[in-house]
């Protein structure tokens, strides 16, 4: 009898033990079905910083970007200044041309100030000159450095033909009895076929005209231009 009672007690204790262990429901991962329309609504609300609603309407149309006006409809401010470079005219060229004219006038005035000054071979001034000493002195007063003798002066600057001579150009001649084609005389062109030089035949500084003195026109070799746009230095 005692054996049956003990057995029953053991069975009841086992039942209570199993019941106590199964008091908590085991955790099970439940996969929740996601509504795509609801998810899109949540995403849009998050992006646009809108409060979330308890219920989400079904969104059927896709999101479209706001319309942007075309470039042709764009208008700029009237305060913007439009510069046309086609009408731009530099002033530097005008300044250089004016400056060159001033130098030419200065050379002419300096040369004429020595009219009548005595010619002496090898003299460099200021009370007496030979031909190249005279030209060197006049150009030096205008800030232009040239060599001492005529054959070297004939190598500096730009070559100029007779028909293209301008005031301020040097003019070179072969004045020897027998023509050699070599430079032996120099003067300064004044324009209108006039040139000034220290003449060995006249024994002084004089102005001659090529039309009135055909000898010099026949013996003319070339001219040299030493008045440039960007420099007053003429050295080789």
Protein backbone atom coordinates (compact mmCIF):
# COMPACT_ATOMS: atom_id res chain seq x y z
CA UNK A 1 0.00 0.00 0.00
CA UNK A 2 2.78 2.31 0.88
CA UNK A 3 4.46 1.44 -2.41
CA UNK A 4 1.44 2.56 -4.47
CA UNK A 5 1.16 5.79 -2.47
CA UNK A 6 4.82 6.64 -3.08
CA UNK A 7 4.47 5.90 -6.78
CA UNK A 8 1.44 8.17 -7.06
CA UNK A 9 3.28 10.97 -5.31
CA UNK A 10 6.21 10.64 -7.69
CA UNK A 11 3.89 10.81 -10.72
CA UNK A 12 2.16 13.94 -9.40
CA UNK A 13 5.50 15.63 -8.61
CA UNK A 14 6.69 14.92 -12.17
CA UNK A 15 3.53 16.46 -13.61
CA UNK A 16 3.94 19.60 -11.48
CA UNK A 17 7.62 19.88 -12.48
CA UNK A 18 6.84 19.67 -16.18
CA UNK A 19 4.05 22.20 -15.82
CA UNK A 20 6.38 24.64 -14.09
CA UNK A 21 9.02 24.38 -16.85
CA UNK A 22 6.51 25.04 -19.56
CA UNK A 23 5.08 28.13 -17.95
CA UNK A 24 6.75 30.50 -20.53
CA UNK A 25 5.91 30.29 -24.17
CA UNK A 26 9.02 29.61 -26.25
CA UNK A 27 10.12 32.52 -28.49
CA UNK A 28 9.32 31.97 -32.16
CA UNK A 29 10.50 34.30 -35.02
CA UNK A 30 7.40 35.49 -36.75
CA UNK A 31 7.80 36.90 -40.32
CA UNK A 32 5.45 39.81 -40.72
CA UNK A 33 4.09 40.37 -44.18
CA UNK A 34 5.11 43.84 -45.40
CA UNK A 35 2.70 46.00 -47.34
CA UNK A 36 4.71 47.64 -50.18
CA UNK A 37 2.38 50.63 -50.44
CA UNK A 38 2.63 51.18 -46.71
CA UNK A 39 6.43 50.98 -46.86
CA UNK A 40 6.60 53.53 -49.71
CA UNK A 41 4.37 55.90 -47.76
CA UNK A 42 6.64 55.62 -44.71
CA UNK A 43 9.74 56.27 -46.81
CA UNK A 44 8.19 59.33 -48.49
CA UNK A 45 7.06 60.71 -45.12
CA UNK A 46 10.58 60.27 -43.77
CA UNK A 47 12.22 61.96 -46.77
CA UNK A 48 9.81 64.91 -46.74
CA UNK A 49 9.93 65.17 -42.94
CA UNK A 50 6.19 64.63 -42.54
CA UNK A 51 4.48 63.19 -39.42
CA UNK A 52 3.59 59.54 -39.76
CA UNK A 53 -0.15 58.76 -39.89
CA UNK A 54 -1.77 55.77 -38.24
CA UNK A 55 -3.09 54.59 -41.55
CA UNK A 56 -1.19 54.94 -44.84
CA UNK A 57 -2.98 55.53 -48.09
CA UNK A 58 -2.06 53.42 -51.06
CA UNK A 59 0.23 55.40 -53.40
CA UNK A 60 -0.29 54.40 -56.97
CA UNK A 61 1.69 57.11 -58.88
CA UNK A 62 5.44 57.27 -58.80
CA UNK A 63 7.20 60.33 -57.42
CA UNK A 64 7.92 62.95 -60.09
CA UNK A 65 10.51 65.72 -59.80
CA UNK A 66 9.27 69.31 -59.93
CA UNK A 67 9.29 70.89 -63.37
CA UNK A 68 12.34 73.00 -64.12
CA UNK A 69 12.14 75.91 -66.53
CA UNK A 70 14.16 75.53 -69.70
CA UNK A 71 17.37 77.55 -70.23
CA UNK A 72 15.71 79.74 -72.84
CA UNK A 73 13.36 81.11 -70.21
CA UNK A 74 16.26 82.13 -67.97
CA UNK A 75 16.76 85.88 -67.56
CA UNK A 76 19.77 87.52 -65.91
CA UNK A 77 19.90 90.68 -63.89
CA UNK A 78 20.10 93.99 -65.71
CA UNK A 79 23.01 94.94 -63.45
CA UNK A 80 25.40 92.67 -65.38
CA UNK A 81 27.65 94.71 -67.66
CA UNK A 82 28.32 93.20 -71.08
CA UNK A 83 31.68 94.22 -72.57
CA UNK A 84 32.23 94.08 -76.31
CA UNK A 85 35.90 93.59 -77.08
CA UNK A 86 35.29 94.12 -80.80
CA UNK A 87 34.93 97.84 -80.21
CA UNK A 88 37.98 98.06 -77.93
CA UNK A 89 40.77 100.26 -79.27
CA UNK A 90 44.10 100.29 -77.43
CA UNK A 91 45.61 103.65 -76.60
CA UNK A 92 49.21 102.43 -76.49
CA UNK A 93 49.63 102.60 -80.28
CA UNK A 94 48.38 106.19 -80.30
CA UNK A 95 50.82 107.06 -77.53
CA UNK A 96 53.75 105.44 -79.34
CA UNK A 97 52.93 107.21 -82.60
CA UNK A 98 52.70 110.56 -80.82
CA UNK A 99 55.94 109.84 -78.99
CA UNK A 100 57.70 108.98 -82.24
CA UNK A 101 56.54 112.23 -83.82
CA UNK A 102 57.94 114.12 -80.83
CA UNK A 103 61.30 112.40 -81.25
CA UNK A 104 61.37 113.17 -84.97
CA UNK A 105 60.58 116.80 -84.31
CA UNK A 106 63.28 116.90 -81.63
CA UNK A 107 65.83 115.44 -84.06
CA UNK A 108 64.88 117.99 -86.71
CA UNK A 109 65.13 120.89 -84.25
CA UNK A 110 68.49 119.68 -82.89
CA UNK A 111 69.91 119.25 -86.38
CA UNK A 112 68.76 122.68 -87.56
CA UNK A 113 70.25 124.31 -84.48
CA UNK A 114 73.69 123.45 -85.90
CA UNK A 115 73.09 124.99 -89.34
CA UNK A 116 76.26 126.80 -90.42
CA UNK A 117 78.47 124.91 -87.94
CA UNK A 118 81.89 124.34 -89.51
CA UNK A 119 82.78 121.04 -91.16
CA UNK A 120 86.06 119.44 -90.02
CA UNK A 121 87.02 115.89 -90.85
CA UNK A 122 87.08 113.73 -87.67
CA UNK A 123 85.32 116.38 -85.54
CA UNK A 124 82.52 115.25 -83.20
CA UNK A 125 81.09 118.62 -82.08
CA UNK A 126 79.65 120.70 -80.80
CA UNK A 127 81.50 123.60 -82.49
CA UNK A 128 82.62 121.57 -85.51
CA UNK A 129 81.56 118.28 -87.09
CA UNK A 130 82.26 115.77 -89.78
CA UNK A 131 79.23 114.03 -91.35
CA UNK A 132 78.97 111.06 -88.96
CA UNK A 133 80.01 113.11 -85.92
CA UNK A 134 77.08 115.40 -86.69
CA UNK A 135 74.49 112.56 -86.97
CA UNK A 136 75.79 110.85 -83.84
CA UNK A 137 75.50 114.06 -81.82
CA UNK A 138 71.95 114.84 -83.01
CA UNK A 139 70.58 111.33 -82.38
CA UNK A 140 72.34 111.09 -79.03
CA UNK A 141 70.60 114.29 -77.90
CA UNK A 142 67.30 112.52 -78.69
CA UNK A 143 68.30 109.48 -76.63
CA UNK A 144 69.31 107.27 -79.57
CA UNK A 145 72.75 105.69 -79.53
CA UNK A 146 74.40 104.98 -82.88
CA UNK A 147 78.01 104.11 -83.82
CA UNK A 148 80.61 106.76 -84.54
CA UNK A 149 81.48 106.33 -88.26
CA UNK A 150 79.10 106.34 -91.23
CA UNK A 151 79.85 102.82 -92.49
CA UNK A 152 78.81 101.41 -89.08
CA UNK A 153 75.83 103.73 -88.75
CA UNK A 154 74.62 102.29 -92.07
CA UNK A 155 74.24 98.85 -90.43
CA UNK A 156 71.87 99.76 -87.58
CA UNK A 157 68.09 100.13 -87.60
CA UNK A 158 65.73 99.19 -90.41
CA UNK A 159 66.68 99.31 -94.07
CA UNK A 160 64.64 101.97 -95.95
CA UNK A 161 64.46 102.56 -99.69
CA UNK A 162 64.45 106.08 -101.14
CA UNK A 163 60.70 106.11 -101.83
CA UNK A 164 59.92 105.08 -98.24
CA UNK A 165 62.00 107.70 -96.45
CA UNK A 166 60.42 109.53 -93.53
CA UNK A 167 61.51 112.40 -91.34
CA UNK A 168 64.16 111.27 -88.87
CA UNK A 169 65.66 108.54 -91.09
CA UNK A 170 69.39 108.50 -91.77
CA UNK A 171 70.41 108.74 -95.44
CA UNK A 172 73.66 107.24 -96.77
CA UNK A 173 75.68 108.03 -99.87
CA UNK A 174 78.66 106.99 -101.92
CA UNK A 175 80.16 110.38 -102.77
CA UNK A 176 83.58 109.25 -103.97
CA UNK A 177 84.67 110.19 -107.48
CA UNK A 178 84.78 106.56 -108.42
CA UNK A 179 81.66 104.77 -107.22
CA UNK A 180 82.35 101.77 -105.06
CA UNK A 181 78.90 101.21 -103.58
CA UNK A 182 80.35 101.69 -100.12
CA UNK A 183 79.05 104.22 -97.60
CA UNK A 184 81.24 107.29 -97.14
CA UNK A 185 78.70 110.01 -96.26
CA UNK A 186 75.59 110.34 -94.08
CA UNK A 187 72.85 112.89 -93.40
CA UNK A 188 69.38 113.13 -91.79
CA UNK A 189 66.17 113.16 -93.84
CA UNK A 190 63.74 115.99 -92.97
CA UNK A 191 60.89 115.18 -95.32
CA UNK A 192 59.78 116.72 -98.63
CA UNK A 193 63.06 115.56 -100.28
CA UNK A 194 65.12 117.69 -97.85
CA UNK A 195 68.05 116.35 -95.83
CA UNK A 196 70.53 118.01 -93.48
CA UNK A 197 74.21 117.05 -93.27
CA UNK A 198 77.69 118.29 -92.47
CA UNK A 199 78.97 118.84 -96.01
CA UNK A 200 82.68 118.62 -96.84
CA UNK A 201 82.09 120.54 -100.09
CA UNK A 202 80.09 123.32 -98.41
CA UNK A 203 82.43 123.23 -95.36
CA UNK A 204 79.48 123.50 -92.98
CA UNK A 205 76.15 122.02 -91.89
CA UNK A 206 73.58 122.64 -94.63
CA UNK A 207 70.16 121.53 -95.88
CA UNK A 208 69.95 120.18 -99.43
CA UNK A 209 67.01 119.11 -101.54
CA UNK A 210 67.31 115.96 -103.64
CA UNK A 211 65.53 117.63 -106.55
CA UNK A 212 67.87 120.61 -106.47
CA UNK A 213 70.95 118.48 -105.90
CA UNK A 214 70.62 115.52 -108.30
CA UNK A 215 74.18 114.43 -107.47
CA UNK A 216 73.07 113.24 -104.03
CA UNK A 217 70.04 111.49 -105.42
CA UNK A 218 72.25 109.60 -107.87
CA UNK A 219 74.71 108.69 -105.14
CA UNK A 220 72.04 107.69 -102.61
CA UNK A 221 72.51 104.11 -101.35
CA UNK A 222 69.81 103.49 -98.71
CA UNK A 223 68.22 104.86 -95.59
CA UNK A 224 68.11 103.55 -92.03
CA UNK A 225 65.27 104.01 -89.53
CA UNK A 226 66.38 103.96 -85.91
CA UNK A 227 63.20 105.38 -84.34
CA UNK A 228 61.22 102.29 -83.37
CA UNK A 229 57.91 101.84 -81.56
CA UNK A 230 59.43 100.06 -78.57
CA UNK A 231 62.98 101.38 -78.23
CA UNK A 232 65.20 104.38 -78.78
CA UNK A 233 68.37 102.29 -78.82
CA UNK A 234 69.99 101.50 -82.17
CA UNK A 235 73.14 99.45 -81.74
CA UNK A 236 74.54 96.41 -83.49
